[in-house]
C-alpha atoms as a PDB file:
ATOM      1  CA  MET A   1      22.073  30.535 -12.305  1.00  0.00           C
ATOM      2  CA  THR A   2      23.713  28.974  -9.436  1.00  0.00           C
ATOM      3  CA  GLN A   3      21.781  26.139  -8.040  1.00  0.00           C
ATOM      4  CA  PRO A   4      20.992  26.504  -4.161  1.00  0.00           C
ATOM      5  CA  HIS A   5      23.158  24.148  -2.077  1.00  0.00           C
ATOM      6  CA  LEU A   6      20.875  21.391   0.008  1.00  0.00           C
ATOM      7  CA  GLY A   7      23.894  19.712   2.090  1.00  0.00           C
ATOM      8  CA  ASP A   8      26.170  17.187   1.227  1.00  0.00           C
ATOM      9  CA  LEU A   9      23.926  14.849  -0.780  1.00  0.00           C
ATOM     10  CA  GLY A  10      26.958  13.958  -3.359  1.00  0.00           C
ATOM     11  CA  ASP A  11      26.353  13.791  -6.981  1.00  0.00           C
ATOM     12  CA  VAL A  12      22.643  12.670  -6.932  1.00  0.00           C
ATOM     13  CA  ALA A  13      22.195  12.953 -10.685  1.00  0.00           C
ATOM     14  CA  ALA A  14      25.135  10.310 -11.163  1.00  0.00           C
ATOM     15  CA  MET A  15      23.737   7.830  -8.691  1.00  0.00           C
ATOM     16  CA  ARG A  16      22.611   4.623 -10.760  1.00  0.00           C
ATOM     17  CA  GLU A  17      22.780   0.990 -10.691  1.00  0.00           C
ATOM     18  CA  GLU A  18      22.582  -1.665 -13.577  1.00  0.00           C
ATOM     19  CA  TYR A  19      19.680  -4.063 -13.216  1.00  0.00           C
ATOM     20  CA  ALA A  20      20.575  -7.369 -14.401  1.00  0.00           C
ATOM     21  CA  ALA A  21      19.062  -9.819 -11.875  1.00  0.00           C
ATOM     22  CA  SER A  22      16.729 -11.368 -14.334  1.00  0.00           C
ATOM     23  CA  GLY A  23      14.077 -10.750 -16.969  1.00  0.00           C
ATOM     24  CA  LEU A  24      10.246 -11.270 -17.344  1.00  0.00           C
ATOM     25  CA  ASP A  25       8.789 -12.763 -20.444  1.00  0.00           C
ATOM     26  CA  GLU A  26       5.100 -13.422 -21.289  1.00  0.00           C
ATOM     27  CA  SER A  27       5.846 -17.234 -20.868  1.00  0.00           C
ATOM     28  CA  ASP A  28       6.573 -16.412 -17.204  1.00  0.00           C
ATOM     29  CA  LEU A  29       3.434 -15.083 -16.319  1.00  0.00           C
ATOM     30  CA  ALA A  30       0.623 -16.924 -14.460  1.00  0.00           C
ATOM     31  CA  GLY A  31      -2.715 -17.370 -15.907  1.00  0.00           C
ATOM     32  CA  ASP A  32      -4.249 -14.527 -13.570  1.00  0.00           C
ATOM     33  CA  PRO A  33      -2.519 -11.540 -12.007  1.00  0.00           C
ATOM     34  CA  PHE A  34      -3.484 -12.646  -8.538  1.00  0.00           C
ATOM     35  CA  THR A  35      -1.552 -15.932  -9.057  1.00  0.00           C
ATOM     36  CA  MET A  36       1.187 -13.783 -10.415  1.00  0.00           C
ATOM     37  CA  PHE A  37       1.282 -11.517  -7.437  1.00  0.00           C
ATOM     38  CA  ASP A  38       1.199 -14.442  -4.922  1.00  0.00           C
ATOM     39  CA  ARG A  39       4.212 -15.957  -6.644  1.00  0.00           C
ATOM     40  CA  TRP A  40       6.383 -12.693  -6.676  1.00  0.00           C
ATOM     41  CA  PHE A  41       5.176 -11.785  -3.158  1.00  0.00           C
ATOM     42  CA  ALA A  42       6.442 -15.315  -2.068  1.00  0.00           C
ATOM     43  CA  GLU A  43       9.684 -14.707  -3.678  1.00  0.00           C
ATOM     44  CA  ALA A  44      10.063 -11.219  -1.972  1.00  0.00           C
ATOM     45  CA  ARG A  45       9.231 -12.942   1.431  1.00  0.00           C
ATOM     46  CA  ASP A  46      11.650 -15.818   0.964  1.00  0.00           C
ATOM     47  CA  ALA A  47      14.460 -13.636  -0.092  1.00  0.00           C
ATOM     48  CA  GLY A  48      14.122 -11.951   3.315  1.00  0.00           C
ATOM     49  CA  LEU A  49      12.873  -8.331   2.206  1.00  0.00           C
ATOM     50  CA  HIS A  50      12.114  -6.170   5.284  1.00  0.00           C
ATOM     51  CA  GLU A  51       8.434  -6.143   5.204  1.00  0.00           C
ATOM     52  CA  PRO A  52       7.353  -7.180   1.658  1.00  0.00           C
ATOM     53  CA  ASN A  53       3.735  -6.324   2.391  1.00  0.00           C
ATOM     54  CA  ALA A  54       4.641  -2.604   2.689  1.00  0.00           C
ATOM     55  CA  MET A  55       3.120  -0.796  -0.090  1.00  0.00           C
ATOM     56  CA  VAL A  56       2.491   2.858  -1.195  1.00  0.00           C
ATOM     57  CA  VAL A  57      -1.223   4.132  -1.570  1.00  0.00           C
ATOM     58  CA  ALA A  58      -1.680   7.035  -3.762  1.00  0.00           C
ATOM     59  CA  THR A  59      -4.947   8.759  -3.512  1.00  0.00           C
ATOM     60  CA  VAL A  60      -6.265  12.168  -4.780  1.00  0.00           C
ATOM     61  CA  SER A  61      -8.573  14.606  -3.106  1.00  0.00           C
ATOM     62  CA  ALA A  62     -11.759  15.968  -4.050  1.00  0.00           C
ATOM     63  CA  GLU A  63      -9.825  19.112  -5.033  1.00  0.00           C
ATOM     64  CA  GLY A  64      -7.656  17.082  -7.431  1.00  0.00           C
ATOM     65  CA  ARG A  65      -4.624  17.171  -4.774  1.00  0.00           C
ATOM     66  CA  PRO A  66      -2.638  13.905  -4.702  1.00  0.00           C
ATOM     67  CA  ALA A  67      -1.125  12.204  -1.696  1.00  0.00           C
ATOM     68  CA  ALA A  68       1.020   9.037  -1.126  1.00  0.00           C
ATOM     69  CA  ARG A  69       1.950   7.080   1.955  1.00  0.00           C
ATOM     70  CA  THR A  70       3.178   3.701   2.849  1.00  0.00           C
ATOM     71  CA  VAL A  71       0.721   1.278   4.563  1.00  0.00           C
ATOM     72  CA  LEU A  72       0.953  -2.504   5.058  1.00  0.00           C
ATOM     73  CA  LEU A  73      -0.891  -5.065   2.888  1.00  0.00           C
ATOM     74  CA  LYS A  74      -3.104  -7.162   5.110  1.00  0.00           C
ATOM     75  CA  GLY A  75      -4.745  -9.525   2.501  1.00  0.00           C
ATOM     76  CA  VAL A  76      -5.093 -10.207  -0.951  1.00  0.00           C
ATOM     77  CA  ASP A  77      -7.442 -12.752  -3.021  1.00  0.00           C
ATOM     78  CA  THR A  78      -9.071 -12.967  -6.193  1.00  0.00           C
ATOM     79  CA  LEU A  79     -11.188  -9.962  -5.153  1.00  0.00           C
ATOM     80  CA  GLY A  80      -8.383  -7.604  -4.460  1.00  0.00           C
ATOM     81  CA  PHE A  81      -5.957  -6.119  -1.779  1.00  0.00           C
ATOM     82  CA  ARG A  82      -6.902  -5.265   1.736  1.00  0.00           C
ATOM     83  CA  PHE A  83      -5.540  -2.755   4.415  1.00  0.00           C
ATOM     84  CA  TYR A  84      -6.800  -1.022   7.155  1.00  0.00           C
ATOM     85  CA  THR A  85      -6.620   2.549   8.682  1.00  0.00           C
ATOM     86  CA  ASN A  86      -8.465   5.440  10.141  1.00  0.00           C
ATOM     87  CA  THR A  87     -11.214   6.364   7.814  1.00  0.00           C
ATOM     88  CA  SER A  88     -11.088   9.924   8.951  1.00  0.00           C
ATOM     89  CA  SER A  89      -7.503  10.244   7.923  1.00  0.00           C
ATOM     90  CA  ARG A  90      -6.322  12.078   4.822  1.00  0.00           C
ATOM     91  CA  LYS A  91      -6.356   8.810   2.934  1.00  0.00           C
ATOM     92  CA  GLY A  92      -9.827   7.831   4.209  1.00  0.00           C
ATOM     93  CA  THR A  93     -11.324  11.442   3.251  1.00  0.00           C
ATOM     94  CA  ASP A  94      -9.550  11.089   0.025  1.00  0.00           C
ATOM     95  CA  LEU A  95     -11.127   7.857  -0.814  1.00  0.00           C
ATOM     96  CA  ALA A  96     -14.541   8.827   0.283  1.00  0.00           C
ATOM     97  CA  ALA A  97     -14.353  11.500  -2.367  1.00  0.00           C
ATOM     98  CA  VAL A  98     -12.593   9.653  -5.002  1.00  0.00           C
ATOM     99  CA  PRO A  99     -12.403   5.995  -4.598  1.00  0.00           C
ATOM    100  CA  ALA A 100      -9.917   5.430  -7.484  1.00  0.00           C
ATOM    101  CA  CYS A 101      -6.347   4.871  -6.166  1.00  0.00           C
ATOM    102  CA  SER A 102      -3.027   3.234  -7.068  1.00  0.00           C
ATOM    103  CA  LEU A 103      -0.737   0.958  -4.974  1.00  0.00           C
ATOM    104  CA  LEU A 104       2.965   0.211  -5.415  1.00  0.00           C
ATOM    105  CA  PHE A 105       4.981  -2.574  -4.061  1.00  0.00           C
ATOM    106  CA  PRO A 106       8.740  -1.459  -4.248  1.00  0.00           C
ATOM    107  CA  TRP A 107      10.883  -4.545  -4.177  1.00  0.00           C
ATOM    108  CA  HIS A 108      14.169  -2.976  -4.834  1.00  0.00           C
ATOM    109  CA  PRO A 109      16.476  -5.763  -3.808  1.00  0.00           C
ATOM    110  CA  LEU A 110      14.829  -7.984  -6.290  1.00  0.00           C
ATOM    111  CA  GLU A 111      14.855  -5.158  -9.197  1.00  0.00           C
ATOM    112  CA  ARG A 112      11.121  -5.496  -9.309  1.00  0.00           C
ATOM    113  CA  GLN A 113       7.984  -3.464  -8.403  1.00  0.00           C
ATOM    114  CA  VAL A 114       4.219  -4.173  -8.634  1.00  0.00           C
ATOM    115  CA  ARG A 115       1.892  -1.408  -9.645  1.00  0.00           C
ATOM    116  CA  VAL A 116      -1.789  -1.606  -8.987  1.00  0.00           C
ATOM    117  CA  ASP A 117      -4.745   0.591 -10.238  1.00  0.00           C
ATOM    118  CA  GLY A 118      -8.277   0.037  -8.868  1.00  0.00           C
ATOM    119  CA  VAL A 119     -11.032   1.244  -6.825  1.00  0.00           C
ATOM    120  CA  ALA A 120     -11.125   1.145  -3.067  1.00  0.00           C
ATOM    121  CA  GLU A 121     -14.381  -0.085  -1.258  1.00  0.00           C
ATOM    122  CA  PRO A 122     -14.891  -0.117   2.388  1.00  0.00           C
ATOM    123  CA  LEU A 123     -14.727  -3.377   4.119  1.00  0.00           C
ATOM    124  CA  HIS A 124     -17.593  -4.745   6.222  1.00  0.00           C
ATOM    125  CA  ARG A 125     -17.551  -3.832   9.814  1.00  0.00           C
ATOM    126  CA  ASP A 126     -17.525  -7.593  10.657  1.00  0.00           C
ATOM    127  CA  GLU A 127     -14.216  -8.024   8.626  1.00  0.00           C
ATOM    128  CA  VAL A 128     -12.966  -5.000  10.084  1.00  0.00           C
ATOM    129  CA  ALA A 129     -13.697  -6.153  13.781  1.00  0.00           C
ATOM    130  CA  ALA A 130     -12.093  -9.433  13.142  1.00  0.00           C
ATOM    131  CA  TYR A 131      -8.894  -8.107  11.942  1.00  0.00           C
ATOM    132  CA  PHE A 132      -8.805  -5.132  14.683  1.00  0.00           C
ATOM    133  CA  ALA A 133      -9.169  -8.286  17.357  1.00  0.00           C
ATOM    134  CA  SER A 134      -5.957  -9.847  15.958  1.00  0.00           C
ATOM    135  CA  ARG A 135      -3.890  -6.585  16.457  1.00  0.00           C
ATOM    136  CA  PRO A 136      -1.552  -6.290  19.567  1.00  0.00           C
ATOM    137  CA  ARG A 137      -3.323  -4.485  22.515  1.00  0.00           C
ATOM    138  CA  GLY A 138      -0.958  -1.553  22.219  1.00  0.00           C
ATOM    139  CA  SER A 139      -2.080  -0.975  18.563  1.00  0.00           C
ATOM    140  CA  ARG A 140      -5.614  -1.175  19.340  1.00  0.00           C
ATOM    141  CA  LEU A 141      -5.319   1.301  22.094  1.00  0.00           C
ATOM    142  CA  GLY A 142      -3.178   3.457  19.604  1.00  0.00           C
ATOM    143  CA  ALA A 143      -6.189   3.289  17.125  1.00  0.00           C
ATOM    144  CA  TRP A 144      -8.194   5.209  19.930  1.00  0.00           C
ATOM    145  CA  ALA A 145      -5.314   7.478  21.050  1.00  0.00           C
ATOM    146  CA  SER A 146      -4.504   8.959  17.573  1.00  0.00           C
ATOM    147  CA  ASP A 147      -6.792  11.401  15.529  1.00  0.00           C
ATOM    148  CA  GLN A 148      -4.831  10.210  12.395  1.00  0.00           C
ATOM    149  CA  SER A 149      -3.668  13.172  10.170  1.00  0.00           C
ATOM    150  CA  ARG A 150      -4.999  15.810  12.364  1.00  0.00           C
ATOM    151  CA  PRO A 151      -2.617  18.473  13.821  1.00  0.00           C
ATOM    152  CA  VAL A 152      -1.261  17.866  17.237  1.00  0.00           C
ATOM    153  CA  GLY A 153       0.613  20.158  19.699  1.00  0.00           C
ATOM    154  CA  SER A 154       3.342  18.042  20.850  1.00  0.00           C
ATOM    155  CA  ARG A 155       4.510  14.304  21.334  1.00  0.00           C
ATOM    156  CA  ALA A 156       3.413  14.767  25.137  1.00  0.00           C
ATOM    157  CA  GLU A 157      -0.156  15.095  23.786  1.00  0.00           C
ATOM    158  CA  ILE A 158       0.194  11.998  21.730  1.00  0.00           C
ATOM    159  CA  GLU A 159       1.551  10.014  24.688  1.00  0.00           C
ATOM    160  CA  GLN A 160      -1.086  11.434  27.043  1.00  0.00           C
ATOM    161  CA  ALA A 161      -3.776  10.416  24.663  1.00  0.00           C
ATOM    162  CA  TRP A 162      -2.484   6.920  24.522  1.00  0.00           C
ATOM    163  CA  ALA A 163      -2.491   6.934  28.400  1.00  0.00           C
ATOM    164  CA  ASP A 164      -5.992   8.092  28.455  1.00  0.00           C
ATOM    165  CA  ALA A 165      -7.057   5.167  26.181  1.00  0.00           C
ATOM    166  CA  GLU A 166      -4.983   2.679  28.307  1.00  0.00           C
ATOM    167  CA  ALA A 167      -7.036   3.876  31.482  1.00  0.00           C
ATOM    168  CA  ARG A 168     -10.295   3.991  29.577  1.00  0.00           C
ATOM    169  CA  PHE A 169     -10.077   0.284  28.661  1.00  0.00           C
ATOM    170  CA  GLU A 170      -8.221  -0.943  31.833  1.00  0.00           C
ATOM    171  CA  GLY A 171      -9.426  -4.642  32.380  1.00  0.00           C
ATOM    172  CA  VAL A 172     -11.299  -4.692  29.079  1.00  0.00           C
ATOM    173  CA  GLU A 173      -9.969  -7.663  27.371  1.00  0.00           C
ATOM    174  CA  ASP A 174     -11.527  -6.914  23.780  1.00  0.00           C
ATOM    175  CA  VAL A 175     -11.003  -3.390  23.172  1.00  0.00           C
ATOM    176  CA  PRO A 176     -13.472  -2.295  20.636  1.00  0.00           C
ATOM    177  CA  VAL A 177     -12.917  -1.079  17.172  1.00  0.00           C
ATOM    178  CA  PRO A 178     -13.007   2.746  17.137  1.00  0.00           C
ATOM    179  CA  PRO A 179     -16.085   4.243  15.178  1.00  0.00           C
ATOM    180  CA  ASP A 180     -13.596   5.924  12.647  1.00  0.00           C
ATOM    181  CA  TRP A 181     -11.409   3.079  12.068  1.00  0.00           C
ATOM    182  CA  GLY A 182     -12.091   0.535   9.200  1.00  0.00           C
ATOM    183  CA  GLY A 183     -10.438  -1.003   6.219  1.00  0.00           C
ATOM    184  CA  TYR A 184     -10.625  -1.036   2.312  1.00  0.00           C
ATOM    185  CA  LEU A 185     -10.668  -3.547  -0.496  1.00  0.00           C
ATOM    186  CA  VAL A 186      -8.921  -2.326  -3.521  1.00  0.00           C
ATOM    187  CA  ARG A 187     -10.359  -4.102  -6.677  1.00  0.00           C
ATOM    188  CA  PRO A 188      -8.023  -3.740  -9.524  1.00  0.00           C
ATOM    189  CA  TRP A 189      -8.577  -3.330 -13.191  1.00  0.00           C
ATOM    190  CA  ARG A 190      -4.788  -2.957 -13.934  1.00  0.00           C
ATOM    191  CA  LEU A 191      -1.713  -4.734 -12.447  1.00  0.00           C
ATOM    192  CA  GLU A 192       1.654  -4.122 -13.718  1.00  0.00           C
ATOM    193  CA  PHE A 193       4.808  -6.548 -13.008  1.00  0.00           C
ATOM    194  CA  TRP A 194       7.773  -4.597 -13.723  1.00  0.00           C
ATOM    195  CA  GLN A 195      11.461  -6.259 -13.694  1.00  0.00           C
ATOM    196  CA  GLY A 196      14.626  -4.124 -14.247  1.00  0.00           C
ATOM    197  CA  ARG A 197      17.066  -4.883 -17.209  1.00  0.00           C
ATOM    198  CA  ARG A 198      20.126  -3.715 -18.589  1.00  0.00           C
ATOM    199  CA  ASN A 199      20.411  -0.415 -20.273  1.00  0.00           C
ATOM    200  CA  ARG A 200      17.171   0.627 -18.619  1.00  0.00           C
ATOM    201  CA  LEU A 201      15.289  -1.612 -21.179  1.00  0.00           C
ATOM    202  CA  HIS A 202      13.116  -2.809 -18.352  1.00  0.00           C
ATOM    203  CA  ASP A 203      10.322  -5.487 -18.630  1.00  0.00           C
ATOM    204  CA  ARG A 204       6.879  -4.148 -17.988  1.00  0.00           C
ATOM    205  CA  LEU A 205       4.043  -6.539 -18.373  1.00  0.00           C
ATOM    206  CA  VAL A 206       0.483  -5.472 -17.588  1.00  0.00           C
ATOM    207  CA  TYR A 207      -2.643  -7.571 -16.866  1.00  0.00           C
ATOM    208  CA  GLU A 208      -5.680  -5.134 -17.615  1.00  0.00           C
ATOM    209  CA  ARG A 209      -9.491  -5.634 -17.772  1.00  0.00           C
ATOM    210  CA  ASP A 210     -12.234  -3.129 -18.824  1.00  0.00           C
ATOM    211  CA  HIS A 211     -13.671  -2.520 -15.259  1.00  0.00           C
ATOM    212  CA  VAL A 212     -13.233  -4.126 -11.847  1.00  0.00           C
ATOM    213  CA  GLU A 213     -16.235  -6.447 -12.653  1.00  0.00           C
ATOM    214  CA  ALA A 214     -15.040  -7.887 -15.604  1.00  0.00           C
ATOM    215  CA  THR A 215     -13.504 -11.601 -15.612  1.00  0.00           C
ATOM    216  CA  GLU A 216     -11.364 -11.180 -18.574  1.00  0.00           C
ATOM    217  CA  TRP A 217      -7.855 -10.048 -18.340  1.00  0.00           C
ATOM    218  CA  ARG A 218      -5.598  -8.978 -21.200  1.00  0.00           C
ATOM    219  CA  VAL A 219      -1.744  -8.886 -21.098  1.00  0.00           C
ATOM    220  CA  VAL A 220       0.156  -6.004 -22.683  1.00  0.00           C
ATOM    221  CA  ARG A 221       3.685  -5.156 -22.829  1.00  0.00           C
ATOM    222  CA  LEU A 222       4.726  -1.725 -22.315  1.00  0.00           C
ATOM    223  CA  ASN A 223       7.938   0.203 -23.565  1.00  0.00           C
ATOM    224  CA  PRO A 224      10.381   0.795 -20.501  1.00  0.00           C
END
């Protein structure tokens, strides 16, 4: 059977690179996954990676339909990972139905990735308001203008919605938080630190615990 032609993509199946930048040994790990993440994040930032806080958030709907999208990490501590979004968006409705989710930090230039599996909890409105106030004014207006993930007739309608928001809050210094805009804390039970190696024999070291309330972490090495 002849495969359909999808354009001049070249020989995609033959595209590959040999990963040989470094390795990851158990002795390289920090005592806890959050310290380890801080270390790798600092190295990604210092290496000049574009938006090292960009992460893929994967969710699943109540009907079992998966979805993934890129958002920006806006905070991390020993509780977990924080990000903000429209809670009525697809990711928001997914998390309301199924709080379990995964995060992925794809730091390709360093031949690294970090995978996080956990449970998302809505952030308190005070924390949401504090972050919202730190955003540029245009972004705050954009949050009012966008009915995120809903169909829209044209780009012109989006621009008009933003203009309407600008007019609505003209002269208002502190643009309030829209009622359907919020944030999430992803509390992890598993974090995987992946380092590319030669011959696809990658290093995969995992911190895991029994549940998100547990304080004891185990370290497991996985086959590549």
